[in-house]
C-alpha atoms as a PDB file:
ATOM      1  CA  MET A   1      13.707   9.711 -23.965  1.00  0.00           C
ATOM      2  CA  ALA A   2       9.948   9.085 -24.037  1.00  0.00           C
ATOM      3  CA  ASN A   3      10.481   5.452 -25.065  1.00  0.00           C
ATOM      4  CA  GLY A   4      12.761   4.968 -22.055  1.00  0.00           C
ATOM      5  CA  VAL A   5      10.097   6.345 -19.713  1.00  0.00           C
ATOM      6  CA  VAL A   6       7.469   4.038 -21.203  1.00  0.00           C
ATOM      7  CA  ARG A   7       9.825   1.074 -20.847  1.00  0.00           C
ATOM      8  CA  ILE A   8      10.515   1.895 -17.192  1.00  0.00           C
ATOM      9  CA  GLN A   9       6.808   2.340 -16.448  1.00  0.00           C
ATOM     10  CA  GLY A  10       6.163  -1.014 -18.133  1.00  0.00           C
ATOM     11  CA  ARG A  11       8.677  -2.743 -15.879  1.00  0.00           C
ATOM     12  CA  TRP A  12       7.030  -1.294 -12.780  1.00  0.00           C
ATOM     13  CA  GLU A  13       3.567  -2.360 -13.992  1.00  0.00           C
ATOM     14  CA  SER A  14       4.667  -5.894 -14.908  1.00  0.00           C
ATOM     15  CA  SER A  15       6.380  -6.364 -11.525  1.00  0.00           C
ATOM     16  CA  LYS A  16       3.437  -5.096  -9.503  1.00  0.00           C
ATOM     17  CA  ASP A  17       1.750  -8.009  -7.712  1.00  0.00           C
ATOM     18  CA  ALA A  18       4.158 -10.462  -9.386  1.00  0.00           C
ATOM     19  CA  PHE A  19       5.031 -12.097  -6.061  1.00  0.00           C
ATOM     20  CA  ALA A  20       2.876 -13.767  -3.421  1.00  0.00           C
ATOM     21  CA  LEU A  21       3.455 -15.473  -0.103  1.00  0.00           C
ATOM     22  CA  ASN A  22       2.259 -19.027   0.369  1.00  0.00           C
ATOM     23  CA  ALA A  23       0.637 -19.061   3.809  1.00  0.00           C
ATOM     24  CA  SER A  24       1.003 -22.837   4.130  1.00  0.00           C
ATOM     25  CA  ASN A  25       4.788 -22.482   3.816  1.00  0.00           C
ATOM     26  CA  SER A  26       4.988 -19.544   6.184  1.00  0.00           C
ATOM     27  CA  ARG A  27       8.184 -19.603   8.199  1.00  0.00           C
ATOM     28  CA  ASP A  28       9.393 -17.434  11.004  1.00  0.00           C
ATOM     29  CA  TYR A  29      12.048 -15.761   8.865  1.00  0.00           C
ATOM     30  CA  LYS A  30      14.103 -13.050  10.491  1.00  0.00           C
ATOM     31  CA  HIS A  31      16.252 -11.807   7.615  1.00  0.00           C
ATOM     32  CA  VAL A  32      15.880 -12.452   3.889  1.00  0.00           C
ATOM     33  CA  LEU A  33      18.593 -11.672   1.335  1.00  0.00           C
ATOM     34  CA  LEU A  34      17.350 -10.925  -2.181  1.00  0.00           C
ATOM     35  CA  VAL A  35      19.991 -11.452  -4.866  1.00  0.00           C
ATOM     36  CA  ASP A  36      19.660  -9.828  -8.290  1.00  0.00           C
ATOM     37  CA  ASP A  37      22.431  -9.951 -10.893  1.00  0.00           C
ATOM     38  CA  VAL A  38      21.637  -6.520 -12.384  1.00  0.00           C
ATOM     39  CA  VAL A  39      19.245  -3.930 -10.982  1.00  0.00           C
ATOM     40  CA  THR A  40      17.752  -1.971 -13.855  1.00  0.00           C
ATOM     41  CA  THR A  41      14.728  -0.069 -12.558  1.00  0.00           C
ATOM     42  CA  GLY A  42      14.479  -1.684  -9.138  1.00  0.00           C
ATOM     43  CA  ALA A  43      10.892  -2.723  -9.844  1.00  0.00           C
ATOM     44  CA  THR A  44      11.421  -6.460  -9.323  1.00  0.00           C
ATOM     45  CA  ILE A  45      13.385  -6.005  -6.105  1.00  0.00           C
ATOM     46  CA  GLU A  46      10.837  -3.493  -4.795  1.00  0.00           C
ATOM     47  CA  SER A  47       7.863  -5.738  -5.561  1.00  0.00           C
ATOM     48  CA  CYS A  48       9.468  -8.813  -4.016  1.00  0.00           C
ATOM     49  CA  ALA A  49      10.635  -6.917  -0.925  1.00  0.00           C
ATOM     50  CA  GLN A  50       7.201  -5.377  -0.358  1.00  0.00           C
ATOM     51  CA  THR A  51       5.643  -8.841  -0.510  1.00  0.00           C
ATOM     52  CA  LEU A  52       8.156 -10.254   1.982  1.00  0.00           C
ATOM     53  CA  LEU A  53       7.670  -7.312   4.331  1.00  0.00           C
ATOM     54  CA  GLN A  54       4.004  -8.270   4.700  1.00  0.00           C
ATOM     55  CA  GLN A  55       5.262 -11.005   7.050  1.00  0.00           C
ATOM     56  CA  LYS A  56       5.886 -10.169  10.692  1.00  0.00           C
ATOM     57  CA  ASN A  57       9.448  -9.835  11.974  1.00  0.00           C
ATOM     58  CA  VAL A  58      11.137  -9.823   8.563  1.00  0.00           C
ATOM     59  CA  ALA A  59      14.113  -7.746   7.471  1.00  0.00           C
ATOM     60  CA  VAL A  60      15.032  -7.617   3.788  1.00  0.00           C
ATOM     61  CA  SER A  61      18.476  -6.903   2.333  1.00  0.00           C
ATOM     62  CA  VAL A  62      19.425  -6.699  -1.341  1.00  0.00           C
ATOM     63  CA  LEU A  63      22.644  -7.829  -3.015  1.00  0.00           C
ATOM     64  CA  SER A  64      23.337  -6.959  -6.638  1.00  0.00           C
ATOM     65  CA  MET A  65      26.411  -7.278  -8.821  1.00  0.00           C
ATOM     66  CA  ALA A  66      25.580  -4.236 -10.961  1.00  0.00           C
ATOM     67  CA  MET A  67      23.120  -1.402 -11.454  1.00  0.00           C
ATOM     68  CA  THR A  68      22.273   0.237 -14.760  1.00  0.00           C
ATOM     69  CA  SER A  69      21.817   3.959 -15.231  1.00  0.00           C
ATOM     70  CA  GLU A  70      18.477   3.260 -16.967  1.00  0.00           C
ATOM     71  CA  GLY A  71      16.421   3.343 -13.774  1.00  0.00           C
END
């Protein structure tokens, strides 16, 4: 079990600050759909969504085909 916890913590750490917005390409997006084939811990989706939500007037939705019981 401890190895699983370390693995999950590692995914959260590696996803933290993995995404950035390019101010020169800033658009007036209203709704963004993030698509992920399999959500394992949710770390990647969370990090990307938090980055997108830094923009004004943005809503974020998530679509996934599957979710593991690991997270």
